[in-house]
Amino acid sequence: MKLIIAIVNNDDSAKAAYALTDAGFFMTKLSTTGGFLMVGNTTLLIGAEEDEVTKAMDILKSTCITRKQINPPTASFGVGTTDNCIPKEVTVGGATVFVLSIDSMEKI
């Protein structure tokens, strides 16, 4: 048994969750925050048999896409005086995925 922990962009989470449950995976969806942009994301906890991990990863790869977005400046005081005040294009989306071995799992 494996536990797949997938941290995905909020924009991709509904599509990924639907595709995973449609494929028969059981999962829990958590609202999380983190990363250097400090924006909301979604963490999916997915239970899978060892031979189903590739299928789940393929679903995540097809639903959690990377894209470019303009990151607005974070500083308001001293606008224009530092590089932090210039909007920058950053890559967002995709997924960060961890696959862990599970000794046992029970649904009670």
N, C-alpha and C. Protein backbone atom coordinates (compact mmCIF):
# COMPACT_ATOMS: atom_id res chain seq x y z
N MET A 1 0.85 -1.18 0.00
CA MET A 1 0.00 0.00 0.00
C MET A 1 0.89 1.24 0.00
N LYS A 2 0.46 2.26 -0.72
CA LYS A 2 1.21 3.51 -0.81
C LYS A 2 0.30 4.69 -0.45
N LEU A 3 0.90 5.71 0.12
CA LEU A 3 0.23 6.97 0.36
C LEU A 3 0.90 7.99 -0.55
N ILE A 4 0.12 8.58 -1.43
CA ILE A 4 0.62 9.61 -2.34
C ILE A 4 0.17 10.95 -1.76
N ILE A 5 1.13 11.81 -1.49
CA ILE A 5 0.84 13.17 -1.02
C ILE A 5 1.16 14.09 -2.18
N ALA A 6 0.14 14.73 -2.73
CA ALA A 6 0.31 15.62 -3.88
C ALA A 6 -0.09 17.03 -3.50
N ILE A 7 0.83 17.95 -3.59
CA ILE A 7 0.56 19.36 -3.33
C ILE A 7 0.37 20.04 -4.67
N VAL A 8 -0.85 20.52 -4.92
CA VAL A 8 -1.20 21.06 -6.23
C VAL A 8 -1.72 22.48 -6.11
N ASN A 9 -1.66 23.20 -7.20
CA ASN A 9 -2.19 24.56 -7.28
C ASN A 9 -3.70 24.51 -7.11
N ASN A 10 -4.27 25.49 -6.41
CA ASN A 10 -5.73 25.55 -6.22
C ASN A 10 -6.48 25.51 -7.54
N ASP A 11 -5.91 26.13 -8.58
CA ASP A 11 -6.58 26.16 -9.88
C ASP A 11 -6.71 24.77 -10.50
N ASP A 12 -5.84 23.84 -10.12
CA ASP A 12 -5.85 22.49 -10.67
C ASP A 12 -6.51 21.46 -9.76
N SER A 13 -6.80 21.83 -8.53
CA SER A 13 -7.21 20.84 -7.53
C SER A 13 -8.54 20.16 -7.85
N ALA A 14 -9.53 20.91 -8.30
CA ALA A 14 -10.84 20.30 -8.57
C ALA A 14 -10.75 19.31 -9.72
N LYS A 15 -10.02 19.69 -10.76
CA LYS A 15 -9.86 18.82 -11.93
C LYS A 15 -9.11 17.53 -11.55
N ALA A 16 -8.05 17.68 -10.76
CA ALA A 16 -7.27 16.52 -10.32
C ALA A 16 -8.11 15.61 -9.42
N ALA A 17 -8.82 16.20 -8.46
CA ALA A 17 -9.63 15.41 -7.53
C ALA A 17 -10.72 14.65 -8.27
N TYR A 18 -11.37 15.30 -9.22
CA TYR A 18 -12.42 14.63 -9.99
C TYR A 18 -11.84 13.47 -10.79
N ALA A 19 -10.73 13.69 -11.47
CA ALA A 19 -10.12 12.64 -12.29
C ALA A 19 -9.66 11.46 -11.44
N LEU A 20 -9.12 11.74 -10.27
CA LEU A 20 -8.66 10.66 -9.38
C LEU A 20 -9.83 9.85 -8.84
N THR A 21 -10.89 10.51 -8.37
CA THR A 21 -12.04 9.76 -7.85
C THR A 21 -12.76 9.03 -8.97
N ASP A 22 -12.80 9.62 -10.16
CA ASP A 22 -13.41 8.96 -11.31
C ASP A 22 -12.66 7.68 -11.68
N ALA A 23 -11.34 7.66 -11.42
CA ALA A 23 -10.51 6.49 -11.70
C ALA A 23 -10.55 5.47 -10.56
N GLY A 24 -11.30 5.77 -9.48
CA GLY A 24 -11.46 4.82 -8.39
C GLY A 24 -10.54 5.01 -7.20
N PHE A 25 -9.80 6.10 -7.17
CA PHE A 25 -8.92 6.36 -6.03
C PHE A 25 -9.70 7.00 -4.90
N PHE A 26 -9.35 6.64 -3.65
CA PHE A 26 -9.90 7.28 -2.48
C PHE A 26 -8.90 8.35 -2.05
N MET A 27 -9.40 9.50 -1.65
CA MET A 27 -8.49 10.57 -1.26
C MET A 27 -9.13 11.52 -0.28
N THR A 28 -8.28 12.30 0.36
CA THR A 28 -8.70 13.38 1.24
C THR A 28 -8.07 14.66 0.71
N LYS A 29 -8.85 15.72 0.69
CA LYS A 29 -8.41 17.00 0.16
C LYS A 29 -8.23 17.98 1.31
N LEU A 30 -7.04 18.58 1.43
CA LEU A 30 -6.73 19.53 2.48
C LEU A 30 -6.37 20.88 1.88
N SER A 31 -6.85 21.96 2.49
CA SER A 31 -6.44 23.30 2.09
C SER A 31 -5.14 23.63 2.80
N THR A 32 -4.12 24.02 2.04
CA THR A 32 -2.82 24.32 2.62
C THR A 32 -2.27 25.61 2.01
N THR A 33 -1.25 26.15 2.65
CA THR A 33 -0.59 27.35 2.16
C THR A 33 0.91 27.14 2.25
N GLY A 34 1.62 27.68 1.29
CA GLY A 34 3.06 27.55 1.36
C GLY A 34 3.73 27.96 0.08
N GLY A 35 5.00 27.67 0.00
CA GLY A 35 5.77 28.03 -1.17
C GLY A 35 6.26 29.46 -1.11
N PHE A 36 7.10 29.81 -2.06
CA PHE A 36 7.68 31.14 -2.02
C PHE A 36 6.67 32.22 -2.38
N LEU A 37 5.55 31.87 -3.05
CA LEU A 37 4.53 32.87 -3.36
C LEU A 37 3.56 33.07 -2.20
N MET A 38 3.60 32.16 -1.21
CA MET A 38 2.72 32.22 -0.04
C MET A 38 1.25 32.33 -0.43
N VAL A 39 0.84 31.51 -1.38
CA VAL A 39 -0.56 31.48 -1.80
C VAL A 39 -1.15 30.12 -1.43
N GLY A 40 -2.46 30.05 -1.46
CA GLY A 40 -3.14 28.80 -1.13
C GLY A 40 -2.88 27.73 -2.16
N ASN A 41 -2.82 26.52 -1.69
CA ASN A 41 -2.75 25.36 -2.57
C ASN A 41 -3.57 24.25 -1.93
N THR A 42 -3.59 23.11 -2.56
CA THR A 42 -4.37 21.99 -2.07
C THR A 42 -3.46 20.78 -1.94
N THR A 43 -3.55 20.08 -0.82
CA THR A 43 -2.80 18.85 -0.63
C THR A 43 -3.78 17.69 -0.71
N LEU A 44 -3.49 16.77 -1.62
CA LEU A 44 -4.32 15.57 -1.80
C LEU A 44 -3.61 14.39 -1.16
N LEU A 45 -4.30 13.69 -0.27
CA LEU A 45 -3.79 12.45 0.33
C LEU A 45 -4.50 11.32 -0.39
N ILE A 46 -3.73 10.53 -1.13
CA ILE A 46 -4.31 9.50 -2.01
C ILE A 46 -3.79 8.14 -1.59
N GLY A 47 -4.69 7.22 -1.32
CA GLY A 47 -4.31 5.85 -1.02
C GLY A 47 -4.32 5.04 -2.30
N ALA A 48 -3.26 4.26 -2.52
CA ALA A 48 -3.17 3.47 -3.76
C ALA A 48 -2.39 2.18 -3.50
N GLU A 49 -2.80 1.16 -4.21
CA GLU A 49 -2.00 -0.07 -4.21
C GLU A 49 -0.73 0.20 -5.01
N GLU A 50 0.30 -0.57 -4.74
CA GLU A 50 1.60 -0.31 -5.37
C GLU A 50 1.53 -0.30 -6.89
N ASP A 51 0.71 -1.18 -7.47
CA ASP A 51 0.61 -1.24 -8.93
C ASP A 51 -0.26 -0.14 -9.53
N GLU A 52 -0.89 0.68 -8.69
CA GLU A 52 -1.73 1.78 -9.17
C GLU A 52 -1.04 3.15 -9.08
N VAL A 53 0.15 3.20 -8.52
CA VAL A 53 0.84 4.47 -8.33
C VAL A 53 1.10 5.16 -9.67
N THR A 54 1.53 4.40 -10.66
CA THR A 54 1.80 4.99 -11.98
C THR A 54 0.54 5.60 -12.58
N LYS A 55 -0.59 4.95 -12.42
CA LYS A 55 -1.86 5.47 -12.92
C LYS A 55 -2.21 6.79 -12.24
N ALA A 56 -2.04 6.86 -10.93
CA ALA A 56 -2.32 8.10 -10.19
C ALA A 56 -1.36 9.21 -10.62
N MET A 57 -0.09 8.88 -10.80
CA MET A 57 0.89 9.88 -11.23
C MET A 57 0.55 10.40 -12.63
N ASP A 58 0.11 9.52 -13.52
CA ASP A 58 -0.28 9.96 -14.87
C ASP A 58 -1.47 10.92 -14.81
N ILE A 59 -2.41 10.65 -13.93
CA ILE A 59 -3.57 11.55 -13.76
C ILE A 59 -3.10 12.91 -13.25
N LEU A 60 -2.22 12.90 -12.26
CA LEU A 60 -1.71 14.17 -11.73
C LEU A 60 -0.94 14.94 -12.80
N LYS A 61 -0.14 14.24 -13.59
CA LYS A 61 0.63 14.91 -14.65
C LYS A 61 -0.28 15.55 -15.70
N SER A 62 -1.40 14.91 -15.98
CA SER A 62 -2.30 15.45 -17.02
C SER A 62 -3.22 16.54 -16.50
N THR A 63 -3.44 16.62 -15.20
CA THR A 63 -4.38 17.61 -14.66
C THR A 63 -3.70 18.77 -13.94
N CYS A 64 -2.47 18.61 -13.54
CA CYS A 64 -1.75 19.66 -12.79
C CYS A 64 -0.67 20.23 -13.70
N ILE A 65 -1.05 21.21 -14.50
CA ILE A 65 -0.15 21.74 -15.51
C ILE A 65 0.56 23.00 -15.00
N THR A 66 1.76 23.22 -15.52
CA THR A 66 2.47 24.45 -15.18
C THR A 66 2.08 25.55 -16.16
N ARG A 67 2.13 26.78 -15.69
CA ARG A 67 1.82 27.94 -16.52
C ARG A 67 2.55 29.15 -15.96
N LYS A 68 2.65 30.18 -16.75
CA LYS A 68 3.31 31.42 -16.33
C LYS A 68 2.26 32.40 -15.82
N GLN A 69 2.63 33.16 -14.80
CA GLN A 69 1.76 34.24 -14.32
C GLN A 69 2.65 35.38 -13.83
N ILE A 70 2.08 36.55 -13.85
CA ILE A 70 2.81 37.72 -13.36
C ILE A 70 2.60 37.80 -11.85
N ASN A 71 3.70 37.83 -11.11
CA ASN A 71 3.66 37.93 -9.66
C ASN A 71 3.71 39.42 -9.30
N PRO A 72 2.64 39.96 -8.70
CA PRO A 72 2.64 41.39 -8.37
C PRO A 72 3.66 41.69 -7.27
N PRO A 73 4.13 42.93 -7.23
CA PRO A 73 5.09 43.30 -6.17
C PRO A 73 4.46 43.18 -4.80
N THR A 74 5.28 42.85 -3.81
CA THR A 74 4.77 42.67 -2.44
C THR A 74 4.95 43.92 -1.59
N ALA A 75 5.86 44.78 -1.97
CA ALA A 75 6.14 45.97 -1.16
C ALA A 75 5.30 47.15 -1.65
N SER A 76 4.77 47.94 -0.74
CA SER A 76 4.04 49.14 -1.13
C SER A 76 4.81 50.39 -0.73
N PHE A 77 5.62 50.30 0.32
CA PHE A 77 6.41 51.44 0.76
C PHE A 77 7.70 51.47 -0.05
N GLY A 78 8.03 52.59 -0.63
CA GLY A 78 9.25 52.70 -1.42
C GLY A 78 9.13 52.06 -2.78
N VAL A 79 7.93 52.08 -3.36
CA VAL A 79 7.71 51.45 -4.66
C VAL A 79 8.68 52.03 -5.68
N GLY A 80 9.31 51.16 -6.42
CA GLY A 80 10.23 51.58 -7.47
C GLY A 80 11.67 51.71 -7.02
N THR A 81 11.94 51.48 -5.73
CA THR A 81 13.30 51.67 -5.24
C THR A 81 14.11 50.38 -5.19
N THR A 82 13.43 49.22 -5.29
CA THR A 82 14.14 47.95 -5.25
C THR A 82 13.59 47.02 -6.32
N ASP A 83 14.30 45.92 -6.55
CA ASP A 83 13.83 44.92 -7.51
C ASP A 83 12.56 44.22 -7.05
N ASN A 84 12.26 44.25 -5.74
CA ASN A 84 11.06 43.60 -5.20
C ASN A 84 9.79 44.29 -5.68
N CYS A 85 9.91 45.50 -6.18
CA CYS A 85 8.74 46.29 -6.56
C CYS A 85 8.36 46.12 -8.01
N ILE A 86 9.11 45.33 -8.74
CA ILE A 86 8.83 45.12 -10.16
C ILE A 86 8.10 43.79 -10.32
N PRO A 87 6.92 43.81 -10.99
CA PRO A 87 6.23 42.53 -11.22
C PRO A 87 7.13 41.59 -12.01
N LYS A 88 7.10 40.30 -11.62
CA LYS A 88 7.94 39.30 -12.27
C LYS A 88 7.09 38.15 -12.76
N GLU A 89 7.50 37.58 -13.88
CA GLU A 89 6.81 36.40 -14.40
C GLU A 89 7.38 35.16 -13.69
N VAL A 90 6.49 34.34 -13.15
CA VAL A 90 6.89 33.13 -12.45
C VAL A 90 6.11 31.94 -13.00
N THR A 91 6.66 30.76 -12.82
CA THR A 91 5.97 29.53 -13.22
C THR A 91 5.19 29.01 -12.02
N VAL A 92 3.90 28.74 -12.23
CA VAL A 92 3.05 28.19 -11.16
C VAL A 92 2.40 26.92 -11.68
N GLY A 93 1.77 26.20 -10.78
CA GLY A 93 1.06 24.98 -11.17
C GLY A 93 1.95 23.77 -11.02
N GLY A 94 1.56 22.72 -11.70
CA GLY A 94 2.27 21.46 -11.54
C GLY A 94 1.90 20.84 -10.21
N ALA A 95 2.71 19.94 -9.75
CA ALA A 95 2.45 19.28 -8.48
C ALA A 95 3.77 18.85 -7.86
N THR A 96 3.81 18.89 -6.54
CA THR A 96 4.92 18.29 -5.79
C THR A 96 4.34 17.03 -5.17
N VAL A 97 4.95 15.89 -5.49
CA VAL A 97 4.37 14.61 -5.11
C VAL A 97 5.37 13.78 -4.29
N PHE A 98 4.87 13.24 -3.19
CA PHE A 98 5.63 12.32 -2.35
C PHE A 98 4.89 10.99 -2.35
N VAL A 99 5.63 9.89 -2.47
CA VAL A 99 5.03 8.56 -2.40
C VAL A 99 5.67 7.83 -1.23
N LEU A 100 4.81 7.44 -0.27
CA LEU A 100 5.30 6.80 0.95
C LEU A 100 4.76 5.37 1.05
N SER A 101 5.57 4.49 1.58
CA SER A 101 5.11 3.12 1.85
C SER A 101 4.31 3.11 3.13
N ILE A 102 3.21 2.38 3.14
CA ILE A 102 2.32 2.28 4.29
C ILE A 102 2.30 0.82 4.76
N ASP A 103 2.53 0.62 6.04
CA ASP A 103 2.51 -0.74 6.59
C ASP A 103 1.11 -1.32 6.65
N SER A 104 0.14 -0.49 7.02
CA SER A 104 -1.23 -0.98 7.07
C SER A 104 -2.19 0.17 6.91
N MET A 105 -3.42 -0.14 6.50
CA MET A 105 -4.47 0.85 6.34
C MET A 105 -5.79 0.18 6.66
N GLU A 106 -6.62 0.85 7.43
CA GLU A 106 -7.93 0.33 7.78
C GLU A 106 -8.96 1.42 7.60
N LYS A 107 -10.10 1.06 7.07
CA LYS A 107 -11.25 1.97 7.03
C LYS A 107 -12.19 1.51 8.12
N ILE A 108 -12.45 2.36 9.08
CA ILE A 108 -13.27 1.99 10.23
C ILE A 108 -14.60 2.73 10.15
